[in-house]
Amino acid sequence: MKGHMKAETKTDNKDYTRRNRFTGESIELTEEEANRHDAIFYHEALATQEDKDMDDTGISKHWDKVREHLDWFREHNAKAYMVLLD
């Protein structure tokens, strides 16, 4: 073949599907919703570790971020909240 064909690299596949870790049920989210969903579990992990390190449950400030994102879902996408987070 003459010339070089440049392979296209897809940097965003727009796949914002998230799955409930307990039930396996999934739902497609918007990019913002997917980011907030992921942030819930990121802050949950940090909060759990911080609580463990401090030998006290529920004191980490990361729990505030978890609650903030959960509240956002309750207000803006109750269906996704029920499928993924309830």
PDB file of N, CA and C in Angstrom:
ATOM      1  N   MET A   1       0.828  -1.169   0.000  1.00  0.00           N
ATOM      2  CA  MET A   1       0.000   0.000   0.000  1.00  0.00           C
ATOM      3  C   MET A   1       0.877   1.239   0.000  1.00  0.00           C
ATOM      4  N   LYS A   2       0.458   2.204  -0.765  1.00  0.00           N
ATOM      5  CA  LYS A   2       1.177   3.466  -0.778  1.00  0.00           C
ATOM      6  C   LYS A   2       0.729   4.314   0.391  1.00  0.00           C
ATOM      7  N   GLY A   3       1.666   4.981   0.975  1.00  0.00           N
ATOM      8  CA  GLY A   3       1.335   5.865   2.075  1.00  0.00           C
ATOM      9  C   GLY A   3       1.057   5.069   3.343  1.00  0.00           C
ATOM     10  N   HIS A   4       0.869   5.803   4.357  1.00  0.00           N
ATOM     11  CA  HIS A   4       0.589   5.172   5.647  1.00  0.00           C
ATOM     12  C   HIS A   4      -0.810   5.534   6.085  1.00  0.00           C
ATOM     13  N   MET A   5      -1.542   4.535   6.503  1.00  0.00           N
ATOM     14  CA  MET A   5      -2.857   4.803   7.069  1.00  0.00           C
ATOM     15  C   MET A   5      -2.673   4.979   8.572  1.00  0.00           C
ATOM     16  N   LYS A   6      -3.105   6.091   9.045  1.00  0.00           N
ATOM     17  CA  LYS A   6      -2.981   6.367  10.467  1.00  0.00           C
ATOM     18  C   LYS A   6      -4.157   5.719  11.202  1.00  0.00           C
ATOM     19  N   ALA A   7      -3.803   4.935  12.178  1.00  0.00           N
ATOM     20  CA  ALA A   7      -4.851   4.294  12.981  1.00  0.00           C
ATOM     21  C   ALA A   7      -5.505   5.352  13.861  1.00  0.00           C
ATOM     22  N   GLU A   8      -6.810   5.335  13.867  1.00  0.00           N
ATOM     23  CA  GLU A   8      -7.525   6.283  14.708  1.00  0.00           C
ATOM     24  C   GLU A   8      -7.536   5.765  16.140  1.00  0.00           C
ATOM     25  N   THR A   9      -7.232   6.648  17.035  1.00  0.00           N
ATOM     26  CA  THR A   9      -7.271   6.307  18.440  1.00  0.00           C
ATOM     27  C   THR A   9      -8.499   6.952  19.039  1.00  0.00           C
ATOM     28  N   LYS A  10      -9.304   6.149  19.618  1.00  0.00           N
ATOM     29  CA  LYS A  10     -10.514   6.647  20.235  1.00  0.00           C
ATOM     30  C   LYS A  10     -10.218   6.883  21.708  1.00  0.00           C
ATOM     31  N   THR A  11     -10.237   8.138  22.116  1.00  0.00           N
ATOM     32  CA  THR A  11      -9.880   8.447  23.494  1.00  0.00           C
ATOM     33  C   THR A  11     -11.080   8.413  24.435  1.00  0.00           C
ATOM     34  N   ASP A  12     -12.276   8.525  23.914  1.00  0.00           N
ATOM     35  CA  ASP A  12     -13.460   8.481  24.761  1.00  0.00           C
ATOM     36  C   ASP A  12     -14.523   7.645  24.064  1.00  0.00           C
ATOM     37  N   ASN A  13     -14.771   6.480  24.601  1.00  0.00           N
ATOM     38  CA  ASN A  13     -15.739   5.598  23.960  1.00  0.00           C
ATOM     39  C   ASN A  13     -17.169   5.885  24.405  1.00  0.00           C
ATOM     40  N   LYS A  14     -17.341   6.920  25.220  1.00  0.00           N
ATOM     41  CA  LYS A  14     -18.665   7.331  25.690  1.00  0.00           C
ATOM     42  C   LYS A  14     -19.409   6.213  26.411  1.00  0.00           C
ATOM     43  N   ASP A  15     -18.695   5.287  26.983  1.00  0.00           N
ATOM     44  CA  ASP A  15     -19.332   4.202  27.723  1.00  0.00           C
ATOM     45  C   ASP A  15     -19.376   4.582  29.195  1.00  0.00           C
ATOM     46  N   TYR A  16     -20.527   5.041  29.615  1.00  0.00           N
ATOM     47  CA  TYR A  16     -20.697   5.449  30.993  1.00  0.00           C
ATOM     48  C   TYR A  16     -21.645   4.501  31.734  1.00  0.00           C
ATOM     49  N   THR A  17     -21.630   3.252  31.336  1.00  0.00           N
ATOM     50  CA  THR A  17     -22.439   2.243  32.001  1.00  0.00           C
ATOM     51  C   THR A  17     -21.795   1.913  33.341  1.00  0.00           C
ATOM     52  N   ARG A  18     -22.614   1.863  34.369  1.00  0.00           N
ATOM     53  CA  ARG A  18     -22.127   1.458  35.676  1.00  0.00           C
ATOM     54  C   ARG A  18     -23.016   0.331  36.179  1.00  0.00           C
ATOM     55  N   ARG A  19     -22.425  -0.540  36.986  1.00  0.00           N
ATOM     56  CA  ARG A  19     -23.102  -1.738  37.475  1.00  0.00           C
ATOM     57  C   ARG A  19     -23.140  -1.716  39.007  1.00  0.00           C
ATOM     58  N   ASN A  20     -24.266  -2.124  39.564  1.00  0.00           N
ATOM     59  CA  ASN A  20     -24.395  -2.250  41.007  1.00  0.00           C
ATOM     60  C   ASN A  20     -23.500  -3.392  41.470  1.00  0.00           C
ATOM     61  N   ARG A  21     -22.643  -3.132  42.420  1.00  0.00           N
ATOM     62  CA  ARG A  21     -21.661  -4.131  42.856  1.00  0.00           C
ATOM     63  C   ARG A  21     -22.289  -5.304  43.590  1.00  0.00           C
ATOM     64  N   PHE A  22     -23.525  -5.157  44.050  1.00  0.00           N
ATOM     65  CA  PHE A  22     -24.189  -6.237  44.777  1.00  0.00           C
ATOM     66  C   PHE A  22     -25.177  -7.002  43.906  1.00  0.00           C
ATOM     67  N   THR A  23     -25.961  -6.276  43.104  1.00  0.00           N
ATOM     68  CA  THR A  23     -27.012  -6.931  42.320  1.00  0.00           C
ATOM     69  C   THR A  23     -26.595  -7.242  40.891  1.00  0.00           C
ATOM     70  N   GLY A  24     -25.587  -6.534  40.387  1.00  0.00           N
ATOM     71  CA  GLY A  24     -25.159  -6.709  39.011  1.00  0.00           C
ATOM     72  C   GLY A  24     -25.992  -5.922  38.014  1.00  0.00           C
ATOM     73  N   GLU A  25     -27.064  -5.288  38.476  1.00  0.00           N
ATOM     74  CA  GLU A  25     -27.909  -4.483  37.592  1.00  0.00           C
ATOM     75  C   GLU A  25     -27.110  -3.278  37.102  1.00  0.00           C
ATOM     76  N   SER A  26     -27.290  -2.926  35.833  1.00  0.00           N
ATOM     77  CA  SER A  26     -26.519  -1.823  35.281  1.00  0.00           C
ATOM     78  C   SER A  26     -27.429  -0.757  34.687  1.00  0.00           C
ATOM     79  N   ILE A  27     -26.836   0.418  34.490  1.00  0.00           N
ATOM     80  CA  ILE A  27     -27.560   1.550  33.918  1.00  0.00           C
ATOM     81  C   ILE A  27     -26.547   2.452  33.218  1.00  0.00           C
ATOM     82  N   GLU A  28     -26.980   3.057  32.125  1.00  0.00           N
ATOM     83  CA  GLU A  28     -26.138   3.997  31.382  1.00  0.00           C
ATOM     84  C   GLU A  28     -26.288   5.379  32.013  1.00  0.00           C
ATOM     85  N   LEU A  29     -25.163   6.025  32.266  1.00  0.00           N
ATOM     86  CA  LEU A  29     -25.148   7.345  32.872  1.00  0.00           C
ATOM     87  C   LEU A  29     -24.597   8.381  31.905  1.00  0.00           C
ATOM     88  N   THR A  30     -24.786   9.633  32.244  1.00  0.00           N
ATOM     89  CA  THR A  30     -24.104  10.702  31.523  1.00  0.00           C
ATOM     90  C   THR A  30     -22.660  10.740  32.020  1.00  0.00           C
ATOM     91  N   GLU A  31     -21.829  11.500  31.359  1.00  0.00           N
ATOM     92  CA  GLU A  31     -20.436  11.618  31.797  1.00  0.00           C
ATOM     93  C   GLU A  31     -20.362  12.170  33.218  1.00  0.00           C
ATOM     94  N   GLU A  32     -21.134  13.217  33.503  1.00  0.00           N
ATOM     95  CA  GLU A  32     -21.119  13.793  34.855  1.00  0.00           C
ATOM     96  C   GLU A  32     -21.577  12.772  35.887  1.00  0.00           C
ATOM     97  N   GLU A  33     -22.641  12.051  35.576  1.00  0.00           N
ATOM     98  CA  GLU A  33     -23.140  11.040  36.507  1.00  0.00           C
ATOM     99  C   GLU A  33     -22.106   9.945  36.749  1.00  0.00           C
ATOM    100  N   ALA A  34     -21.447   9.515  35.684  1.00  0.00           N
ATOM    101  CA  ALA A  34     -20.417   8.480  35.821  1.00  0.00           C
ATOM    102  C   ALA A  34     -19.270   8.981  36.698  1.00  0.00           C
ATOM    103  N   ASN A  35     -18.873  10.228  36.500  1.00  0.00           N
ATOM    104  CA  ASN A  35     -17.797  10.800  37.320  1.00  0.00           C
ATOM    105  C   ASN A  35     -18.210  10.886  38.785  1.00  0.00           C
ATOM    106  N   ARG A  36     -19.446  11.293  39.023  1.00  0.00           N
ATOM    107  CA  ARG A  36     -19.933  11.382  40.404  1.00  0.00           C
ATOM    108  C   ARG A  36     -20.047   9.987  41.025  1.00  0.00           C
ATOM    109  N   HIS A  37     -20.528   9.026  40.253  1.00  0.00           N
ATOM    110  CA  HIS A  37     -20.623   7.643  40.734  1.00  0.00           C
ATOM    111  C   HIS A  37     -19.247   7.136  41.140  1.00  0.00           C
ATOM    112  N   ASP A  38     -18.275   7.342  40.271  1.00  0.00           N
ATOM    113  CA  ASP A  38     -16.919   6.886  40.565  1.00  0.00           C
ATOM    114  C   ASP A  38     -16.354   7.602  41.790  1.00  0.00           C
ATOM    115  N   ALA A  39     -16.680   8.892  41.938  1.00  0.00           N
ATOM    116  CA  ALA A  39     -16.200   9.668  43.082  1.00  0.00           C
ATOM    117  C   ALA A  39     -16.761   9.120  44.393  1.00  0.00           C
ATOM    118  N   ILE A  40     -17.986   8.622  44.367  1.00  0.00           N
ATOM    119  CA  ILE A  40     -18.572   8.034  45.571  1.00  0.00           C
ATOM    120  C   ILE A  40     -17.689   6.904  46.079  1.00  0.00           C
ATOM    121  N   PHE A  41     -17.292   6.024  45.183  1.00  0.00           N
ATOM    122  CA  PHE A  41     -16.507   4.862  45.607  1.00  0.00           C
ATOM    123  C   PHE A  41     -15.055   5.220  45.905  1.00  0.00           C
ATOM    124  N   TYR A  42     -14.537   6.235  45.233  1.00  0.00           N
ATOM    125  CA  TYR A  42     -13.194   6.739  45.525  1.00  0.00           C
ATOM    126  C   TYR A  42     -13.159   7.289  46.953  1.00  0.00           C
ATOM    127  N   HIS A  43     -14.102   8.171  47.270  1.00  0.00           N
ATOM    128  CA  HIS A  43     -14.122   8.774  48.603  1.00  0.00           C
ATOM    129  C   HIS A  43     -14.507   7.757  49.677  1.00  0.00           C
ATOM    130  N   GLU A  44     -15.341   6.794  49.320  1.00  0.00           N
ATOM    131  CA  GLU A  44     -15.680   5.735  50.275  1.00  0.00           C
ATOM    132  C   GLU A  44     -14.427   4.940  50.660  1.00  0.00           C
ATOM    133  N   ALA A  45     -13.616   4.634  49.679  1.00  0.00           N
ATOM    134  CA  ALA A  45     -12.382   3.880  49.959  1.00  0.00           C
ATOM    135  C   ALA A  45     -11.427   4.708  50.828  1.00  0.00           C
ATOM    136  N   LEU A  46     -11.278   5.988  50.493  1.00  0.00           N
ATOM    137  CA  LEU A  46     -10.402   6.851  51.292  1.00  0.00           C
ATOM    138  C   LEU A  46     -10.936   7.008  52.710  1.00  0.00           C
ATOM    139  N   ALA A  47     -12.245   7.187  52.845  1.00  0.00           N
ATOM    140  CA  ALA A  47     -12.858   7.350  54.162  1.00  0.00           C
ATOM    141  C   ALA A  47     -12.694   6.091  54.998  1.00  0.00           C
ATOM    142  N   THR A  48     -12.920   4.951  54.397  1.00  0.00           N
ATOM    143  CA  THR A  48     -12.788   3.683  55.115  1.00  0.00           C
ATOM    144  C   THR A  48     -11.362   3.500  55.619  1.00  0.00           C
ATOM    145  N   GLN A  49     -10.393   3.799  54.759  1.00  0.00           N
ATOM    146  CA  GLN A  49      -8.990   3.659  55.163  1.00  0.00           C
ATOM    147  C   GLN A  49      -8.620   4.660  56.257  1.00  0.00           C
ATOM    148  N   GLU A  50      -9.083   5.889  56.096  1.00  0.00           N
ATOM    149  CA  GLU A  50      -8.773   6.913  57.090  1.00  0.00           C
ATOM    150  C   GLU A  50      -9.399   6.566  58.445  1.00  0.00           C
ATOM    151  N   ASP A  51     -10.645   6.111  58.427  1.00  0.00           N
ATOM    152  CA  ASP A  51     -11.286   5.682  59.673  1.00  0.00           C
ATOM    153  C   ASP A  51     -10.498   4.552  60.323  1.00  0.00           C
ATOM    154  N   LYS A  52     -10.043   3.615  59.518  1.00  0.00           N
ATOM    155  CA  LYS A  52      -9.266   2.482  60.034  1.00  0.00           C
ATOM    156  C   LYS A  52      -7.951   2.970  60.646  1.00  0.00           C
ATOM    157  N   ASP A  53      -7.276   3.883  59.928  1.00  0.00           N
ATOM    158  CA  ASP A  53      -6.001   4.410  60.424  1.00  0.00           C
ATOM    159  C   ASP A  53      -6.166   5.166  61.741  1.00  0.00           C
ATOM    160  N   MET A  54      -7.318   5.833  61.896  1.00  0.00           N
ATOM    161  CA  MET A  54      -7.579   6.618  63.106  1.00  0.00           C
ATOM    162  C   MET A  54      -8.297   5.795  64.169  1.00  0.00           C
ATOM    163  N   ASP A  55      -8.581   4.534  63.836  1.00  0.00           N
ATOM    164  CA  ASP A  55      -9.262   3.614  64.754  1.00  0.00           C
ATOM    165  C   ASP A  55     -10.583   4.187  65.267  1.00  0.00           C
ATOM    166  N   ASP A  56     -11.325   4.830  64.350  1.00  0.00           N
ATOM    167  CA  ASP A  56     -12.622   5.404  64.692  1.00  0.00           C
ATOM    168  C   ASP A  56     -13.477   5.433  63.431  1.00  0.00           C
ATOM    169  N   THR A  57     -14.678   4.942  63.522  1.00  0.00           N
ATOM    170  CA  THR A  57     -15.543   4.833  62.353  1.00  0.00           C
ATOM    171  C   THR A  57     -16.354   6.105  62.147  1.00  0.00           C
ATOM    172  N   GLY A  58     -16.386   6.563  60.896  1.00  0.00           N
ATOM    173  CA  GLY A  58     -17.247   7.670  60.527  1.00  0.00           C
ATOM    174  C   GLY A  58     -16.677   9.055  60.715  1.00  0.00           C
ATOM    175  N   ILE A  59     -15.397   9.172  61.053  1.00  0.00           N
ATOM    176  CA  ILE A  59     -14.850  10.500  61.312  1.00  0.00           C
ATOM    177  C   ILE A  59     -14.181  11.139  60.103  1.00  0.00           C
ATOM    178  N   SER A  60     -13.891  10.360  59.095  1.00  0.00           N
ATOM    179  CA  SER A  60     -13.210  10.898  57.919  1.00  0.00           C
ATOM    180  C   SER A  60     -14.072  11.951  57.222  1.00  0.00           C
ATOM    181  N   LYS A  61     -13.441  13.026  56.793  1.00  0.00           N
ATOM    182  CA  LYS A  61     -14.127  14.081  56.035  1.00  0.00           C
ATOM    183  C   LYS A  61     -14.556  13.573  54.659  1.00  0.00           C
ATOM    184  N   HIS A  62     -13.982  12.464  54.208  1.00  0.00           N
ATOM    185  CA  HIS A  62     -14.368  11.909  52.906  1.00  0.00           C
ATOM    186  C   HIS A  62     -15.817  11.424  52.905  1.00  0.00           C
ATOM    187  N   TRP A  63     -16.354  11.091  54.083  1.00  0.00           N
ATOM    188  CA  TRP A  63     -17.766  10.688  54.142  1.00  0.00           C
ATOM    189  C   TRP A  63     -18.672  11.832  53.707  1.00  0.00           C
ATOM    190  N   ASP A  64     -18.244  13.080  53.961  1.00  0.00           N
ATOM    191  CA  ASP A  64     -19.033  14.237  53.504  1.00  0.00           C
ATOM    192  C   ASP A  64     -19.133  14.261  51.987  1.00  0.00           C
ATOM    193  N   LYS A  65     -18.039  13.923  51.304  1.00  0.00           N
ATOM    194  CA  LYS A  65     -18.046  13.875  49.829  1.00  0.00           C
ATOM    195  C   LYS A  65     -18.941  12.738  49.345  1.00  0.00           C
ATOM    196  N   VAL A  66     -18.884  11.608  50.014  1.00  0.00           N
ATOM    197  CA  VAL A  66     -19.755  10.489  49.644  1.00  0.00           C
ATOM    198  C   VAL A  66     -21.213  10.928  49.746  1.00  0.00           C
ATOM    199  N   ARG A  67     -21.585  11.528  50.875  1.00  0.00           N
ATOM    200  CA  ARG A  67     -22.963  11.983  51.075  1.00  0.00           C
ATOM    201  C   ARG A  67     -23.360  13.051  50.056  1.00  0.00           C
ATOM    202  N   GLU A  68     -22.438  13.953  49.751  1.00  0.00           N
ATOM    203  CA  GLU A  68     -22.708  15.006  48.768  1.00  0.00           C
ATOM    204  C   GLU A  68     -23.089  14.411  47.414  1.00  0.00           C
ATOM    205  N   HIS A  69     -22.321  13.431  46.958  1.00  0.00           N
ATOM    206  CA  HIS A  69     -22.607  12.803  45.661  1.00  0.00           C
ATOM    207  C   HIS A  69     -23.871  11.939  45.713  1.00  0.00           C
ATOM    208  N   LEU A  70     -24.098  11.254  46.815  1.00  0.00           N
ATOM    209  CA  LEU A  70     -25.331  10.478  46.963  1.00  0.00           C
ATOM    210  C   LEU A  70     -26.554  11.395  46.917  1.00  0.00           C
ATOM    211  N   ASP A  71     -26.475  12.507  47.627  1.00  0.00           N
ATOM    212  CA  ASP A  71     -27.578  13.468  47.625  1.00  0.00           C
ATOM    213  C   ASP A  71     -27.824  14.013  46.229  1.00  0.00           C
ATOM    214  N   TRP A  72     -26.741  14.280  45.491  1.00  0.00           N
ATOM    215  CA  TRP A  72     -26.874  14.779  44.124  1.00  0.00           C
ATOM    216  C   TRP A  72     -27.650  13.768  43.272  1.00  0.00           C
ATOM    217  N   PHE A  73     -27.297  12.500  43.390  1.00  0.00           N
ATOM    218  CA  PHE A  73     -28.001  11.461  42.622  1.00  0.00           C
ATOM    219  C   PHE A  73     -29.472  11.394  43.012  1.00  0.00           C
ATOM    220  N   ARG A  74     -29.772  11.475  44.284  1.00  0.00           N
ATOM    221  CA  ARG A  74     -31.173  11.430  44.725  1.00  0.00           C
ATOM    222  C   ARG A  74     -31.980  12.549  44.073  1.00  0.00           C
ATOM    223  N   GLU A  75     -31.357  13.706  43.930  1.00  0.00           N
ATOM    224  CA  GLU A  75     -32.048  14.867  43.366  1.00  0.00           C
ATOM    225  C   GLU A  75     -32.095  14.861  41.843  1.00  0.00           C
ATOM    226  N   HIS A  76     -31.003  14.459  41.193  1.00  0.00           N
ATOM    227  CA  HIS A  76     -30.884  14.609  39.739  1.00  0.00           C
ATOM    228  C   HIS A  76     -31.154  13.355  38.918  1.00  0.00           C
ATOM    229  N   ASN A  77     -31.002  12.177  39.501  1.00  0.00           N
ATOM    230  CA  ASN A  77     -31.276  10.942  38.774  1.00  0.00           C
ATOM    231  C   ASN A  77     -31.651   9.852  39.772  1.00  0.00           C
ATOM    232  N   ALA A  78     -32.874   9.961  40.252  1.00  0.00           N
ATOM    233  CA  ALA A  78     -33.350   9.031  41.273  1.00  0.00           C
ATOM    234  C   ALA A  78     -33.329   7.585  40.774  1.00  0.00           C
ATOM    235  N   LYS A  79     -33.609   7.387  39.495  1.00  0.00           N
ATOM    236  CA  LYS A  79     -33.603   6.022  38.956  1.00  0.00           C
ATOM    237  C   LYS A  79     -32.208   5.407  39.062  1.00  0.00           C
ATOM    238  N   ALA A  80     -31.184   6.150  38.646  1.00  0.00           N
ATOM    239  CA  ALA A  80     -29.810   5.648  38.746  1.00  0.00           C
ATOM    240  C   ALA A  80     -29.436   5.404  40.202  1.00  0.00           C
ATOM    241  N   TYR A  81     -29.888   6.292  41.076  1.00  0.00           N
ATOM    242  CA  TYR A  81     -29.622   6.105  42.499  1.00  0.00           C
ATOM    243  C   TYR A  81     -30.211   4.773  42.979  1.00  0.00           C
ATOM    244  N   MET A  82     -31.462   4.518  42.590  1.00  0.00           N
ATOM    245  CA  MET A  82     -32.121   3.284  43.016  1.00  0.00           C
ATOM    246  C   MET A  82     -31.439   2.043  42.434  1.00  0.00           C
ATOM    247  N   VAL A  83     -30.992   2.118  41.214  1.00  0.00           N
ATOM    248  CA  VAL A  83     -30.348   0.965  40.560  1.00  0.00           C
ATOM    249  C   VAL A  83     -28.949   0.729  41.124  1.00  0.00           C
ATOM    250  N   LEU A  84     -28.184   1.786  41.307  1.00  0.00           N
ATOM    251  CA  LEU A  84     -26.772   1.630  41.624  1.00  0.00           C
ATOM    252  C   LEU A  84     -26.407   1.801  43.092  1.00  0.00           C
ATOM    253  N   LEU A  85     -27.137   2.636  43.809  1.00  0.00           N
ATOM    254  CA  LEU A  85     -26.625   3.085  45.094  1.00  0.00           C
ATOM    255  C   LEU A  85     -27.528   2.796  46.291  1.00  0.00           C
ATOM    256  N   ASP A  86     -28.756   2.406  46.050  1.00  0.00           N
ATOM    257  CA  ASP A  86     -29.687   2.191  47.153  1.00  0.00           C
ATOM    258  C   ASP A  86     -29.527   0.803  47.732  1.00  0.00           C
TER     259      ASP A  86
END
